[in-house]
């Protein structure tokens, strides 16, 4: 509700109340999406940055050549389970 009142005040549509409400809800929805995707990207990078797969060109310390190092029994990074369940839960819902 906090974002709704903020976006309602700054909405450009002033003459038609119905359109103003629709635009405000759309702005709040898009703000939530931006926040979610930004946080997911940061958390995903922090999850993979110390893994043996992410190369230095992407900010990691591993190599693409290590991609199939432990195949088929790959050891995932420590926070991978939380990242996977959190992002997959959002997209399934």
PDB file of N, CA and C in Angstrom:
ATOM      1  N   UNK A   1       0.817  -1.194   0.000  1.00  0.00           N
ATOM      2  CA  UNK A   1       0.000   0.000   0.000  1.00  0.00           C
ATOM      3  C   UNK A   1       0.862   1.260   0.000  1.00  0.00           C
ATOM      4  N   UNK A   2       2.083   1.167   0.479  1.00  0.00           N
ATOM      5  CA  UNK A   2       2.935   2.347   0.514  1.00  0.00           C
ATOM      6  C   UNK A   2       3.225   2.844  -0.893  1.00  0.00           C
ATOM      7  N   UNK A   3       3.599   1.933  -1.780  1.00  0.00           N
ATOM      8  CA  UNK A   3       3.900   2.331  -3.154  1.00  0.00           C
ATOM      9  C   UNK A   3       2.646   2.806  -3.885  1.00  0.00           C
ATOM     10  N   UNK A   4       1.508   2.233  -3.559  1.00  0.00           N
ATOM     11  CA  UNK A   4       0.268   2.644  -4.229  1.00  0.00           C
ATOM     12  C   UNK A   4      -0.020   4.120  -3.964  1.00  0.00           C
ATOM     13  N   UNK A   5       0.092   4.541  -2.737  1.00  0.00           N
ATOM     14  CA  UNK A   5      -0.203   5.946  -2.425  1.00  0.00           C
ATOM     15  C   UNK A   5       0.823   6.889  -3.058  1.00  0.00           C
ATOM     16  N   UNK A   6       2.069   6.454  -3.129  1.00  0.00           N
ATOM     17  CA  UNK A   6       3.102   7.285  -3.762  1.00  0.00           C
ATOM     18  C   UNK A   6       2.831   7.428  -5.251  1.00  0.00           C
ATOM     19  N   UNK A   7       2.588   6.305  -5.925  1.00  0.00           N
ATOM     20  CA  UNK A   7       2.344   6.358  -7.369  1.00  0.00           C
ATOM     21  C   UNK A   7       1.003   7.005  -7.705  1.00  0.00           C
ATOM     22  N   UNK A   8       0.047   6.899  -6.814  1.00  0.00           N
ATOM     23  CA  UNK A   8      -1.251   7.541  -7.050  1.00  0.00           C
ATOM     24  C   UNK A   8      -1.092   9.061  -7.072  1.00  0.00           C
ATOM     25  N   UNK A   9      -0.260   9.588  -6.177  1.00  0.00           N
ATOM     26  CA  UNK A   9      -0.043  11.036  -6.128  1.00  0.00           C
ATOM     27  C   UNK A   9       0.699  11.564  -7.350  1.00  0.00           C
ATOM     28  N   UNK A  10       1.642  10.781  -7.895  1.00  0.00           N
ATOM     29  CA  UNK A  10       2.443  11.286  -9.013  1.00  0.00           C
ATOM     30  C   UNK A  10       1.924  10.853 -10.377  1.00  0.00           C
ATOM     31  N   UNK A  11       0.804  10.161 -10.415  1.00  0.00           N
ATOM     32  CA  UNK A  11       0.229   9.727 -11.690  1.00  0.00           C
ATOM     33  C   UNK A  11      -0.179  10.945 -12.521  1.00  0.00           C
ATOM     34  N   UNK A  12       0.129  10.919 -13.836  1.00  0.00           N
ATOM     35  CA  UNK A  12      -0.164  12.058 -14.707  1.00  0.00           C
ATOM     36  C   UNK A  12      -1.648  12.182 -15.038  1.00  0.00           C
ATOM     37  N   UNK A  13      -2.346  11.074 -15.009  1.00  0.00           N
ATOM     38  CA  UNK A  13      -3.784  11.088 -15.327  1.00  0.00           C
ATOM     39  C   UNK A  13      -4.552  11.685 -14.154  1.00  0.00           C
ATOM     40  N   UNK A  14      -5.159  12.836 -14.351  1.00  0.00           N
ATOM     41  CA  UNK A  14      -5.883  13.511 -13.273  1.00  0.00           C
ATOM     42  C   UNK A  14      -7.387  13.609 -13.536  1.00  0.00           C
ATOM     43  N   UNK A  15      -7.802  13.505 -14.798  1.00  0.00           N
ATOM     44  CA  UNK A  15      -9.213  13.736 -15.111  1.00  0.00           C
ATOM     45  C   UNK A  15     -10.082  12.478 -14.969  1.00  0.00           C
ATOM     46  N   UNK A  16      -9.566  11.321 -15.310  1.00  0.00           N
ATOM     47  CA  UNK A  16     -10.347  10.082 -15.276  1.00  0.00           C
ATOM     48  C   UNK A  16      -9.844   9.212 -14.115  1.00  0.00           C
ATOM     49  N   UNK A  17     -10.681   9.028 -13.113  1.00  0.00           N
ATOM     50  CA  UNK A  17     -10.288   8.291 -11.904  1.00  0.00           C
ATOM     51  C   UNK A  17     -10.033   6.813 -12.189  1.00  0.00           C
ATOM     52  N   UNK A  18     -10.828   6.220 -13.059  1.00  0.00           N
ATOM     53  CA  UNK A  18     -10.673   4.798 -13.375  1.00  0.00           C
ATOM     54  C   UNK A  18      -9.326   4.524 -14.056  1.00  0.00           C
ATOM     55  N   UNK A  19      -8.957   5.358 -14.996  1.00  0.00           N
ATOM     56  CA  UNK A  19      -7.673   5.194 -15.686  1.00  0.00           C
ATOM     57  C   UNK A  19      -6.520   5.467 -14.718  1.00  0.00           C
ATOM     58  N   UNK A  20      -6.711   6.413 -13.823  1.00  0.00           N
ATOM     59  CA  UNK A  20      -5.666   6.725 -12.838  1.00  0.00           C
ATOM     60  C   UNK A  20      -5.398   5.537 -11.928  1.00  0.00           C
ATOM     61  N   UNK A  21      -6.442   4.860 -11.500  1.00  0.00           N
ATOM     62  CA  UNK A  21      -6.285   3.673 -10.646  1.00  0.00           C
ATOM     63  C   UNK A  21      -5.588   2.556 -11.408  1.00  0.00           C
ATOM     64  N   UNK A  22      -5.978   2.336 -12.665  1.00  0.00           N
ATOM     65  CA  UNK A  22      -5.353   1.293 -13.485  1.00  0.00           C
ATOM     66  C   UNK A  22      -3.867   1.581 -13.685  1.00  0.00           C
ATOM     67  N   UNK A  23      -3.539   2.826 -14.003  1.00  0.00           N
ATOM     68  CA  UNK A  23      -2.136   3.194 -14.209  1.00  0.00           C
ATOM     69  C   UNK A  23      -1.328   3.081 -12.921  1.00  0.00           C
ATOM     70  N   UNK A  24      -1.939   3.417 -11.807  1.00  0.00           N
ATOM     71  CA  UNK A  24      -1.246   3.313 -10.525  1.00  0.00           C
ATOM     72  C   UNK A  24      -0.951   1.859 -10.183  1.00  0.00           C
ATOM     73  N   UNK A  25      -1.924   0.985 -10.386  1.00  0.00           N
ATOM     74  CA  UNK A  25      -1.708  -0.443 -10.126  1.00  0.00           C
ATOM     75  C   UNK A  25      -0.636  -1.007 -11.042  1.00  0.00           C
ATOM     76  N   UNK A  26      -0.616  -0.578 -12.290  1.00  0.00           N
ATOM     77  CA  UNK A  26       0.398  -1.042 -13.232  1.00  0.00           C
ATOM     78  C   UNK A  26       1.789  -0.576 -12.805  1.00  0.00           C
ATOM     79  N   UNK A  27       1.895   0.664 -12.330  1.00  0.00           N
ATOM     80  CA  UNK A  27       3.180   1.183 -11.865  1.00  0.00           C
ATOM     81  C   UNK A  27       3.680   0.414 -10.640  1.00  0.00           C
ATOM     82  N   UNK A  28       2.777   0.100  -9.724  1.00  0.00           N
ATOM     83  CA  UNK A  28       3.164  -0.656  -8.529  1.00  0.00           C
ATOM     84  C   UNK A  28       3.614  -2.062  -8.913  1.00  0.00           C
ATOM     85  N   UNK A  29       2.900  -2.687  -9.837  1.00  0.00           N
ATOM     86  CA  UNK A  29       3.259  -4.037 -10.295  1.00  0.00           C
ATOM     87  C   UNK A  29       4.635  -4.031 -10.959  1.00  0.00           C
ATOM     88  N   UNK A  30       4.890  -3.046 -11.798  1.00  0.00           N
ATOM     89  CA  UNK A  30       6.180  -2.965 -12.477  1.00  0.00           C
ATOM     90  C   UNK A  30       7.311  -2.621 -11.507  1.00  0.00           C
ATOM     91  N   UNK A  31       7.027  -1.846 -10.483  1.00  0.00           N
ATOM     92  CA  UNK A  31       8.036  -1.551  -9.462  1.00  0.00           C
ATOM     93  C   UNK A  31       8.406  -2.818  -8.703  1.00  0.00           C
ATOM     94  N   UNK A  32       7.406  -3.645  -8.395  1.00  0.00           N
ATOM     95  CA  UNK A  32       7.694  -4.920  -7.723  1.00  0.00           C
ATOM     96  C   UNK A  32       8.531  -5.822  -8.619  1.00  0.00           C
ATOM     97  N   UNK A  33       8.194  -5.892  -9.907  1.00  0.00           N
ATOM     98  CA  UNK A  33       8.965  -6.719 -10.839  1.00  0.00           C
ATOM     99  C   UNK A  33      10.413  -6.247 -10.925  1.00  0.00           C
ATOM    100  N   UNK A  34      10.605  -4.926 -11.023  1.00  0.00           N
ATOM    101  CA  UNK A  34      11.962  -4.392 -11.067  1.00  0.00           C
ATOM    102  C   UNK A  34      12.738  -4.778  -9.821  1.00  0.00           C
ATOM    103  N   UNK A  35      12.126  -4.615  -8.667  1.00  0.00           N
ATOM    104  CA  UNK A  35      12.790  -4.938  -7.407  1.00  0.00           C
ATOM    105  C   UNK A  35      13.129  -6.424  -7.335  1.00  0.00           C
ATOM    106  N   UNK A  36      12.186  -7.279  -7.738  1.00  0.00           N
ATOM    107  CA  UNK A  36      12.420  -8.725  -7.694  1.00  0.00           C
ATOM    108  C   UNK A  36      13.554  -9.128  -8.621  1.00  0.00           C
ATOM    109  N   UNK A  37      13.510  -8.694  -9.884  1.00  0.00           N
ATOM    110  CA  UNK A  37      14.529  -9.109 -10.847  1.00  0.00           C
ATOM    111  C   UNK A  37      15.901  -8.551 -10.494  1.00  0.00           C
ATOM    112  N   UNK A  38      15.948  -7.341  -9.960  1.00  0.00           N
ATOM    113  CA  UNK A  38      17.220  -6.776  -9.521  1.00  0.00           C
ATOM    114  C   UNK A  38      17.800  -7.598  -8.366  1.00  0.00           C
ATOM    115  N   UNK A  39      16.963  -7.910  -7.386  1.00  0.00           N
ATOM    116  CA  UNK A  39      17.427  -8.710  -6.240  1.00  0.00           C
ATOM    117  C   UNK A  39      17.815 -10.121  -6.663  1.00  0.00           C
ATOM    118  N   UNK A  40      17.062 -10.713  -7.593  1.00  0.00           N
ATOM    119  CA  UNK A  40      17.392 -12.062  -8.063  1.00  0.00           C
ATOM    120  C   UNK A  40      18.720 -12.077  -8.811  1.00  0.00           C
ATOM    121  N   UNK A  41      18.983 -11.045  -9.604  1.00  0.00           N
ATOM    122  CA  UNK A  41      20.254 -10.972 -10.332  1.00  0.00           C
ATOM    123  C   UNK A  41      21.429 -10.810  -9.372  1.00  0.00           C
ATOM    124  N   UNK A  42      21.275  -9.954  -8.369  1.00  0.00           N
ATOM    125  CA  UNK A  42      22.350  -9.759  -7.389  1.00  0.00           C
ATOM    126  C   UNK A  42      22.583 -11.033  -6.583  1.00  0.00           C
ATOM    127  N   UNK A  43      21.502 -11.660  -6.106  1.00  0.00           N
ATOM    128  CA  UNK A  43      21.635 -12.886  -5.319  1.00  0.00           C
ATOM    129  C   UNK A  43      22.212 -14.018  -6.174  1.00  0.00           C
ATOM    130  N   UNK A  44      21.821 -14.090  -7.456  1.00  0.00           N
ATOM    131  CA  UNK A  44      22.371 -15.101  -8.356  1.00  0.00           C
ATOM    132  C   UNK A  44      23.860 -14.910  -8.570  1.00  0.00           C
ATOM    133  N   UNK A  45      24.290 -13.659  -8.751  1.00  0.00           N
ATOM    134  CA  UNK A  45      25.720 -13.403  -8.898  1.00  0.00           C
ATOM    135  C   UNK A  45      26.478 -13.771  -7.631  1.00  0.00           C
ATOM    136  N   UNK A  46      25.945 -13.381  -6.477  1.00  0.00           N
ATOM    137  CA  UNK A  46      26.616 -13.706  -5.216  1.00  0.00           C
ATOM    138  C   UNK A  46      26.662 -15.210  -4.974  1.00  0.00           C
ATOM    139  N   UNK A  47      25.665 -15.927  -5.485  1.00  0.00           N
ATOM    140  CA  UNK A  47      25.656 -17.379  -5.344  1.00  0.00           C
ATOM    141  C   UNK A  47      26.743 -18.027  -6.201  1.00  0.00           C
ATOM    142  N   UNK A  48      26.944 -17.518  -7.409  1.00  0.00           N
ATOM    143  CA  UNK A  48      27.875 -18.151  -8.337  1.00  0.00           C
ATOM    144  C   UNK A  48      29.279 -17.566  -8.351  1.00  0.00           C
ATOM    145  N   UNK A  49      29.516 -16.423  -7.733  1.00  0.00           N
ATOM    146  CA  UNK A  49      30.807 -15.744  -7.892  1.00  0.00           C
ATOM    147  C   UNK A  49      31.992 -16.552  -7.381  1.00  0.00           C
ATOM    148  N   UNK A  50      31.824 -17.358  -6.361  1.00  0.00           N
ATOM    149  CA  UNK A  50      32.925 -18.157  -5.835  1.00  0.00           C
ATOM    150  C   UNK A  50      32.898 -19.592  -6.331  1.00  0.00           C
ATOM    151  N   UNK A  51      32.012 -19.896  -7.265  1.00  0.00           N
ATOM    152  CA  UNK A  51      31.950 -21.269  -7.778  1.00  0.00           C
ATOM    153  C   UNK A  51      33.049 -21.487  -8.814  1.00  0.00           C
ATOM    154  N   UNK A  52      33.273 -22.728  -9.164  1.00  0.00           N
ATOM    155  CA  UNK A  52      34.328 -23.060 -10.116  1.00  0.00           C
ATOM    156  C   UNK A  52      33.882 -22.898 -11.569  1.00  0.00           C
ATOM    157  N   UNK A  53      32.648 -22.472 -11.802  1.00  0.00           N
ATOM    158  CA  UNK A  53      32.127 -22.354 -13.156  1.00  0.00           C
ATOM    159  C   UNK A  53      32.204 -20.931 -13.700  1.00  0.00           C
ATOM    160  N   UNK A  54      31.944 -19.927 -12.876  1.00  0.00           N
ATOM    161  CA  UNK A  54      31.871 -18.539 -13.337  1.00  0.00           C
ATOM    162  C   UNK A  54      33.264 -18.001 -13.655  1.00  0.00           C
ATOM    163  N   UNK A  55      33.505 -17.597 -14.919  1.00  0.00           N
ATOM    164  CA  UNK A  55      34.849 -17.150 -15.304  1.00  0.00           C
ATOM    165  C   UNK A  55      35.160 -15.733 -14.816  1.00  0.00           C
ATOM    166  N   UNK A  56      36.430 -15.348 -14.819  1.00  0.00           N
ATOM    167  CA  UNK A  56      36.811 -13.998 -14.388  1.00  0.00           C
ATOM    168  C   UNK A  56      36.207 -12.887 -15.250  1.00  0.00           C
ATOM    169  N   UNK A  57      35.924 -13.159 -16.503  1.00  0.00           N
ATOM    170  CA  UNK A  57      35.327 -12.132 -17.364  1.00  0.00           C
ATOM    171  C   UNK A  57      33.918 -11.754 -16.909  1.00  0.00           C
ATOM    172  N   UNK A  58      33.257 -12.611 -16.142  1.00  0.00           N
ATOM    173  CA  UNK A  58      31.936 -12.325 -15.591  1.00  0.00           C
ATOM    174  C   UNK A  58      31.991 -12.004 -14.101  1.00  0.00           C
ATOM    175  N   UNK A  59      33.189 -11.859 -13.558  1.00  0.00           N
ATOM    176  CA  UNK A  59      33.346 -11.473 -12.162  1.00  0.00           C
ATOM    177  C   UNK A  59      33.584 -12.628 -11.211  1.00  0.00           C
ATOM    178  N   UNK A  60      33.786 -13.814 -11.721  1.00  0.00           N
ATOM    179  CA  UNK A  60      34.004 -14.968 -10.858  1.00  0.00           C
ATOM    180  C   UNK A  60      35.462 -15.342 -10.762  1.00  0.00           C
ATOM    181  N   UNK A  61      35.718 -16.517 -10.229  1.00  0.00           N
ATOM    182  CA  UNK A  61      37.094 -16.986 -10.088  1.00  0.00           C
ATOM    183  C   UNK A  61      37.300 -18.360 -10.722  1.00  0.00           C
ATOM    184  N   UNK A  62      36.310 -18.850 -11.452  1.00  0.00           N
ATOM    185  CA  UNK A  62      36.403 -20.167 -12.060  1.00  0.00           C
ATOM    186  C   UNK A  62      36.722 -20.108 -13.540  1.00  0.00           C
ATOM    187  N   UNK A  63      36.247 -21.116 -14.269  1.00  0.00           N
ATOM    188  CA  UNK A  63      36.492 -21.198 -15.698  1.00  0.00           C
ATOM    189  C   UNK A  63      35.361 -21.961 -16.363  1.00  0.00           C
ATOM    190  N   UNK A  64      35.076 -21.604 -17.616  1.00  0.00           N
ATOM    191  CA  UNK A  64      34.074 -22.352 -18.363  1.00  0.00           C
ATOM    192  C   UNK A  64      34.525 -23.793 -18.626  1.00  0.00           C
ATOM    193  N   UNK A  65      35.818 -24.013 -18.623  1.00  0.00           N
ATOM    194  CA  UNK A  65      36.343 -25.356 -18.867  1.00  0.00           C
ATOM    195  C   UNK A  65      36.022 -26.309 -17.711  1.00  0.00           C
ATOM    196  N   UNK A  66      35.696 -25.769 -16.563  1.00  0.00           N
ATOM    197  CA  UNK A  66      35.331 -26.601 -15.405  1.00  0.00           C
ATOM    198  C   UNK A  66      33.842 -26.946 -15.375  1.00  0.00           C
ATOM    199  N   UNK A  67      33.124 -26.603 -16.422  1.00  0.00           N
ATOM    200  CA  UNK A  67      31.679 -26.771 -16.427  1.00  0.00           C
ATOM    201  C   UNK A  67      31.256 -28.231 -16.237  1.00  0.00           C
ATOM    202  N   UNK A  68      31.987 -29.155 -16.798  1.00  0.00           N
ATOM    203  CA  UNK A  68      31.629 -30.572 -16.693  1.00  0.00           C
ATOM    204  C   UNK A  68      32.619 -31.331 -15.805  1.00  0.00           C
ATOM    205  N   UNK A  69      33.202 -30.632 -14.858  1.00  0.00           N
ATOM    206  CA  UNK A  69      34.242 -31.217 -14.003  1.00  0.00           C
ATOM    207  C   UNK A  69      33.739 -32.415 -13.209  1.00  0.00           C
ATOM    208  N   UNK A  70      32.636 -32.300 -12.541  1.00  0.00           N
ATOM    209  CA  UNK A  70      32.124 -33.381 -11.691  1.00  0.00           C
ATOM    210  C   UNK A  70      30.912 -34.068 -12.296  1.00  0.00           C
ATOM    211  N   UNK A  71      30.747 -33.981 -13.595  1.00  0.00           N
ATOM    212  CA  UNK A  71      29.568 -34.551 -14.244  1.00  0.00           C
ATOM    213  C   UNK A  71      29.556 -36.056 -14.070  1.00  0.00           C
ATOM    214  N   UNK A  72      28.496 -36.682 -13.748  1.00  0.00           N
ATOM    215  CA  UNK A  72      27.116 -36.281 -13.562  1.00  0.00           C
ATOM    216  C   UNK A  72      26.768 -35.931 -12.116  1.00  0.00           C
ATOM    217  N   UNK A  73      27.717 -35.983 -11.216  1.00  0.00           N
ATOM    218  CA  UNK A  73      27.448 -35.694  -9.801  1.00  0.00           C
ATOM    219  C   UNK A  73      28.019 -34.323  -9.440  1.00  0.00           C
ATOM    220  N   UNK A  74      27.360 -33.285  -9.901  1.00  0.00           N
ATOM    221  CA  UNK A  74      27.821 -31.918  -9.711  1.00  0.00           C
ATOM    222  C   UNK A  74      27.527 -31.474  -8.283  1.00  0.00           C
ATOM    223  N   UNK A  75      28.488 -30.805  -7.677  1.00  0.00           N
ATOM    224  CA  UNK A  75      28.261 -30.229  -6.345  1.00  0.00           C
ATOM    225  C   UNK A  75      27.855 -28.767  -6.530  1.00  0.00           C
ATOM    226  N   UNK A  76      26.613 -28.425  -6.209  1.00  0.00           N
ATOM    227  CA  UNK A  76      26.161 -27.043  -6.402  1.00  0.00           C
ATOM    228  C   UNK A  76      26.770 -26.110  -5.355  1.00  0.00           C
ATOM    229  N   UNK A  77      26.805 -24.802  -5.651  1.00  0.00           N
ATOM    230  CA  UNK A  77      27.287 -23.836  -4.654  1.00  0.00           C
ATOM    231  C   UNK A  77      26.419 -23.869  -3.404  1.00  0.00           C
ATOM    232  N   UNK A  78      26.931 -23.375  -2.275  1.00  0.00           N
ATOM    233  CA  UNK A  78      26.195 -23.472  -1.004  1.00  0.00           C
ATOM    234  C   UNK A  78      24.803 -22.838  -1.011  1.00  0.00           C
ATOM    235  N   UNK A  79      24.618 -21.676  -1.635  1.00  0.00           N
ATOM    236  CA  UNK A  79      23.322 -21.002  -1.613  1.00  0.00           C
ATOM    237  C   UNK A  79      22.434 -21.342  -2.800  1.00  0.00           C
ATOM    238  N   UNK A  80      22.851 -22.285  -3.616  1.00  0.00           N
ATOM    239  CA  UNK A  80      22.127 -22.592  -4.847  1.00  0.00           C
ATOM    240  C   UNK A  80      20.698 -23.074  -4.579  1.00  0.00           C
ATOM    241  N   UNK A  81      20.524 -23.887  -3.560  1.00  0.00           N
ATOM    242  CA  UNK A  81      19.195 -24.426  -3.256  1.00  0.00           C
ATOM    243  C   UNK A  81      18.210 -23.302  -2.915  1.00  0.00           C
ATOM    244  N   UNK A  82      18.648 -22.314  -2.149  1.00  0.00           N
ATOM    245  CA  UNK A  82      17.778 -21.189  -1.792  1.00  0.00           C
ATOM    246  C   UNK A  82      17.474 -20.316  -3.004  1.00  0.00           C
ATOM    247  N   UNK A  83      18.487 -20.082  -3.826  1.00  0.00           N
ATOM    248  CA  UNK A  83      18.286 -19.271  -5.025  1.00  0.00           C
ATOM    249  C   UNK A  83      17.319 -19.968  -5.979  1.00  0.00           C
ATOM    250  N   UNK A  84      17.527 -21.246  -6.203  1.00  0.00           N
ATOM    251  CA  UNK A  84      16.682 -22.000  -7.125  1.00  0.00           C
ATOM    252  C   UNK A  84      15.233 -22.059  -6.650  1.00  0.00           C
ATOM    253  N   UNK A  85      15.011 -22.375  -5.386  1.00  0.00           N
ATOM    254  CA  UNK A  85      13.637 -22.472  -4.895  1.00  0.00           C
ATOM    255  C   UNK A  85      12.960 -21.116  -4.846  1.00  0.00           C
ATOM    256  N   UNK A  86      13.702 -20.068  -4.522  1.00  0.00           N
ATOM    257  CA  UNK A  86      13.108 -18.725  -4.482  1.00  0.00           C
ATOM    258  C   UNK A  86      12.705 -18.222  -5.848  1.00  0.00           C
ATOM    259  N   UNK A  87      13.592 -18.344  -6.820  1.00  0.00           N
ATOM    260  CA  UNK A  87      13.256 -17.857  -8.157  1.00  0.00           C
ATOM    261  C   UNK A  87      12.231 -18.757  -8.829  1.00  0.00           C
ATOM    262  N   UNK A  88      12.342 -20.037  -8.662  1.00  0.00           N
ATOM    263  CA  UNK A  88      11.374 -20.936  -9.295  1.00  0.00           C
ATOM    264  C   UNK A  88       9.995 -20.778  -8.664  1.00  0.00           C
ATOM    265  N   UNK A  89       9.929 -20.541  -7.375  1.00  0.00           N
ATOM    266  CA  UNK A  89       8.653 -20.303  -6.727  1.00  0.00           C
ATOM    267  C   UNK A  89       7.961 -19.069  -7.261  1.00  0.00           C
ATOM    268  N   UNK A  90       8.730 -18.022  -7.523  1.00  0.00           N
ATOM    269  CA  UNK A  90       8.156 -16.801  -8.088  1.00  0.00           C
ATOM    270  C   UNK A  90       7.575 -17.069  -9.475  1.00  0.00           C
ATOM    271  N   UNK A  91       8.315 -17.761 -10.311  1.00  0.00           N
ATOM    272  CA  UNK A  91       7.855 -17.981 -11.685  1.00  0.00           C
ATOM    273  C   UNK A  91       6.719 -18.989 -11.776  1.00  0.00           C
ATOM    274  N   UNK A  92       6.674 -19.959 -10.903  1.00  0.00           N
ATOM    275  CA  UNK A  92       5.558 -20.914 -10.916  1.00  0.00           C
ATOM    276  C   UNK A  92       4.298 -20.259 -10.388  1.00  0.00           C
ATOM    277  N   UNK A  93       4.422 -19.421  -9.376  1.00  0.00           N
ATOM    278  CA  UNK A  93       3.253 -18.750  -8.811  1.00  0.00           C
ATOM    279  C   UNK A  93       2.671 -17.783  -9.813  1.00  0.00           C
TER     280      UNK A  93
END
